[in-house]
Protein backbone atom coordinates (compact mmCIF):
# COMPACT_ATOMS: atom_id res chain seq x y z
CA UNK A 1 0.00 0.00 0.00
CA UNK A 2 1.20 3.53 -0.68
CA UNK A 3 2.76 5.35 2.29
CA UNK A 4 1.66 8.52 4.04
CA UNK A 5 4.27 10.41 2.00
CA UNK A 6 2.74 9.00 -1.19
CA UNK A 7 -0.70 10.09 0.02
CA UNK A 8 0.55 13.59 0.82
CA UNK A 9 2.09 13.90 -2.66
CA UNK A 10 -1.17 12.72 -4.25
CA UNK A 11 -3.18 15.19 -2.19
CA UNK A 12 -0.95 18.17 -2.96
CA UNK A 13 -0.79 17.28 -6.66
CA UNK A 14 -4.58 17.71 -6.86
CA UNK A 15 -5.20 20.28 -4.12
CA UNK A 16 -3.49 23.66 -4.53
CA UNK A 17 -5.73 25.62 -2.15
CA UNK A 18 -3.74 25.90 1.09
CA UNK A 19 -6.86 26.14 3.25
CA UNK A 20 -8.26 22.93 1.75
CA UNK A 21 -4.89 21.25 2.33
CA UNK A 22 -5.01 22.38 5.98
CA UNK A 23 -8.55 21.02 6.29
CA UNK A 24 -7.38 17.64 5.05
CA UNK A 25 -4.42 17.71 7.45
CA UNK A 26 -6.86 18.53 10.27
CA UNK A 27 -9.05 15.56 9.39
CA UNK A 28 -5.94 13.37 9.19
CA UNK A 29 -4.95 14.43 12.73
CA UNK A 30 -8.46 13.75 14.05
CA UNK A 31 -8.57 10.36 12.35
CA UNK A 32 -5.19 9.41 13.84
CA UNK A 33 -6.53 10.40 17.27
CA UNK A 34 -9.56 8.15 16.85
CA UNK A 35 -7.49 5.27 15.48
CA UNK A 36 -5.40 5.37 18.67
CA UNK A 37 -8.54 5.70 20.82
CA UNK A 38 -10.19 2.67 19.22
CA UNK A 39 -7.05 0.57 18.76
CA UNK A 40 -7.22 0.74 14.97
CA UNK A 41 -4.56 1.12 12.25
CA UNK A 42 -3.37 4.71 12.64
CA UNK A 43 -1.70 4.88 9.21
CA UNK A 44 -4.78 3.58 7.41
CA UNK A 45 -7.12 5.93 9.28
CA UNK A 46 -4.76 8.88 8.88
CA UNK A 47 -4.45 8.35 5.13
CA UNK A 48 -8.24 8.17 4.83
CA UNK A 49 -8.45 11.56 6.55
CA UNK A 50 -5.64 13.04 4.48
CA UNK A 51 -7.18 11.99 1.16
CA UNK A 52 -10.91 12.30 1.87
CA UNK A 53 -11.32 15.48 -0.22
CA UNK A 54 -8.41 15.00 -2.66
CA UNK A 55 -10.71 15.40 -5.68
CA UNK A 56 -12.86 18.24 -4.32
CA UNK A 57 -10.90 21.17 -5.76
CA UNK A 58 -11.00 19.74 -9.29
CA UNK A 59 -14.43 18.06 -8.96
CA UNK A 60 -16.55 20.07 -6.50
CA UNK A 61 -19.80 18.70 -7.94
CA UNK A 62 -21.03 16.48 -5.10
CA UNK A 63 -22.19 13.79 -7.53
CA UNK A 64 -18.61 13.32 -8.77
CA UNK A 65 -16.81 14.20 -5.51
CA UNK A 66 -15.33 11.01 -3.99
CA UNK A 67 -16.12 9.01 -7.15
CA UNK A 68 -13.09 10.50 -8.91
CA UNK A 69 -10.95 10.08 -5.79
CA UNK A 70 -11.97 6.42 -5.55
CA UNK A 71 -10.80 5.89 -9.13
CA UNK A 72 -7.45 7.57 -8.46
CA UNK A 73 -6.90 5.61 -5.25
CA UNK A 74 -7.70 2.26 -6.86
CA UNK A 75 -5.23 3.02 -9.65
CA UNK A 76 -2.55 3.77 -7.04
CA UNK A 77 -3.23 0.62 -5.00
CA UNK A 78 -4.79 2.11 -1.86
CA UNK A 79 -6.57 -0.15 0.60
CA UNK A 80 -10.26 -0.64 -0.23
CA UNK A 81 -11.17 0.30 3.36
CA UNK A 82 -9.80 3.80 2.74
CA UNK A 83 -11.69 4.07 -0.54
CA UNK A 84 -14.92 2.84 1.04
CA UNK A 85 -14.68 5.36 3.91
CA UNK A 86 -13.99 8.21 1.49
CA UNK A 87 -17.00 7.24 -0.64
CA UNK A 88 -19.17 6.85 2.48
CA UNK A 89 -18.37 10.32 3.83
CA UNK A 90 -20.33 11.81 0.90
CA UNK A 91 -24.03 11.51 1.76
CA UNK A 92 -24.89 11.07 -1.93
CA UNK A 93 -23.21 7.65 -1.80
CA UNK A 94 -25.16 6.32 1.18
CA UNK A 95 -27.20 3.88 -0.89
CA UNK A 96 -24.12 2.14 -2.28
CA UNK A 97 -21.63 2.99 0.48
CA UNK A 98 -23.45 3.34 3.81
CA UNK A 99 -21.38 4.31 6.83
CA UNK A 100 -21.55 0.82 8.32
CA UNK A 101 -18.12 0.60 9.94
CA UNK A 102 -16.16 2.58 12.50
CA UNK A 103 -13.70 3.98 9.95
CA UNK A 104 -16.36 5.49 7.71
CA UNK A 105 -18.37 6.83 10.67
CA UNK A 106 -15.23 8.45 12.13
CA UNK A 107 -14.32 10.07 8.81
CA UNK A 108 -17.79 11.57 8.46
CA UNK A 109 -17.71 12.76 12.08
CA UNK A 110 -14.28 14.40 11.73
CA UNK A 111 -14.89 16.16 8.43
CA UNK A 112 -17.21 19.05 9.28
CA UNK A 113 -16.14 19.49 12.91
CA UNK A 114 -12.58 20.40 11.90
CA UNK A 115 -13.96 23.32 9.89
CA UNK A 116 -15.97 24.63 12.82
CA UNK A 117 -13.00 24.28 15.17
CA UNK A 118 -10.67 26.04 12.71
CA UNK A 119 -13.10 28.92 12.21
CA UNK A 120 -13.58 29.30 15.97
CA UNK A 121 -9.82 29.26 16.59
CA UNK A 122 -9.22 31.91 13.93
CA UNK A 123 -11.56 34.44 15.56
CA UNK A 124 -9.79 34.13 18.91
CA UNK A 125 -7.42 37.01 19.73
CA UNK A 126 -4.44 34.61 19.65
CA UNK A 127 -5.69 32.70 16.56
CA UNK A 128 -4.81 29.38 18.20
CA UNK A 129 -6.54 26.03 18.52
CA UNK A 130 -4.45 25.36 21.63
CA UNK A 131 -6.53 25.95 24.72
CA UNK A 132 -9.72 26.39 22.69
CA UNK A 133 -12.72 25.57 24.88
CA UNK A 134 -15.52 23.25 23.77
CA UNK A 135 -18.01 25.85 25.01
CA UNK A 136 -16.58 28.41 22.55
CA UNK A 137 -17.12 26.02 19.64
CA UNK A 138 -20.66 25.21 20.83
CA UNK A 139 -21.45 28.92 21.12
CA UNK A 140 -20.22 29.59 17.58
CA UNK A 141 -22.25 26.64 16.30
CA UNK A 142 -25.41 28.45 17.41
CA UNK A 143 -24.57 31.50 15.27
CA UNK A 144 -25.95 30.68 11.81
CA UNK A 145 -23.90 33.38 10.10
CA UNK A 146 -20.62 32.10 11.55
CA UNK A 147 -18.79 29.58 9.36
CA UNK A 148 -21.95 29.36 7.29
CA UNK A 149 -20.49 26.63 5.08
CA UNK A 150 -20.32 24.21 7.99
CA UNK A 151 -23.41 22.00 8.14
CA UNK A 152 -24.57 22.02 11.77
CA UNK A 153 -26.76 18.94 11.27
CA UNK A 154 -23.72 17.00 10.06
CA UNK A 155 -21.79 18.05 13.18
CA UNK A 156 -24.48 16.55 15.42
CA UNK A 157 -25.12 13.53 13.21
CA UNK A 158 -21.41 12.77 12.97
CA UNK A 159 -21.00 12.50 16.74
CA UNK A 160 -24.20 10.45 16.96
CA UNK A 161 -23.01 8.03 14.27
CA UNK A 162 -19.68 7.70 16.06
CA UNK A 163 -21.57 7.00 19.28
CA UNK A 164 -20.10 9.73 21.47
CA UNK A 165 -21.48 12.97 22.93
CA UNK A 166 -20.88 16.00 20.72
CA UNK A 167 -18.95 17.82 23.47
CA UNK A 168 -16.58 14.88 23.85
CA UNK A 169 -16.11 14.71 20.10
CA UNK A 170 -15.30 18.42 19.91
CA UNK A 171 -12.79 18.06 22.77
CA UNK A 172 -11.14 15.07 21.06
CA UNK A 173 -10.76 16.90 17.76
CA UNK A 174 -9.44 20.06 19.46
CA UNK A 175 -6.82 17.88 21.15
CA UNK A 176 -5.91 16.17 17.86
CA UNK A 177 -5.63 19.47 15.99
CA UNK A 178 -3.60 21.01 18.82
CA UNK A 179 -0.99 18.28 18.31
CA UNK A 180 -0.38 19.54 14.74
CA UNK A 181 -1.20 23.22 15.32
CA UNK A 182 2.01 24.43 13.63
CA UNK A 183 1.25 22.47 10.48
CA UNK A 184 -2.29 23.90 10.46
CA UNK A 185 -1.21 27.49 11.09
CA UNK A 186 -3.21 27.41 14.32
CA UNK A 187 -0.46 27.74 16.92
CA UNK A 188 -1.41 31.38 17.13
CA UNK A 189 0.43 34.42 18.30
CA UNK A 190 1.74 35.32 21.71
CA UNK A 191 -0.95 37.21 23.59
């Protein structure tokens, strides 16, 4: 199977938008956190997170998004579990690829929440994810105009599908993103 370095090269060859790259790195970090939590293969889960939106910049149409990525990943010899989870994170594929395993449920759960956490961190005076409180994220979730592109229903549904309380999920993902804050540009500034 291709390595994490191979996956990173594939991702950056198709994704030029730095913010989208950071999103995918955030999801990778969250997926690695959950792999450790559940005793799963951290490399496999991390690569699924890193590549989950690798076709989105070139194919933003939701009907093609993930279908193109699945084709690329099969050609490159990626594990079918990664491909399945990536397909399953797109709700349009639920009939053929339902989220029926822990990997696919975790990927769906980690996708949208990283965007909400990033947006909340960036409006803090120090622009850091480190020390970000769950209550701050929850408060921002209630403001419909804030991070309007983040689907609030998916945030709630993701935690439900993963089988953990939303507050715990937010805390877990904040912790995961804090571990790679420099890479994400979310270490912040000295206050």
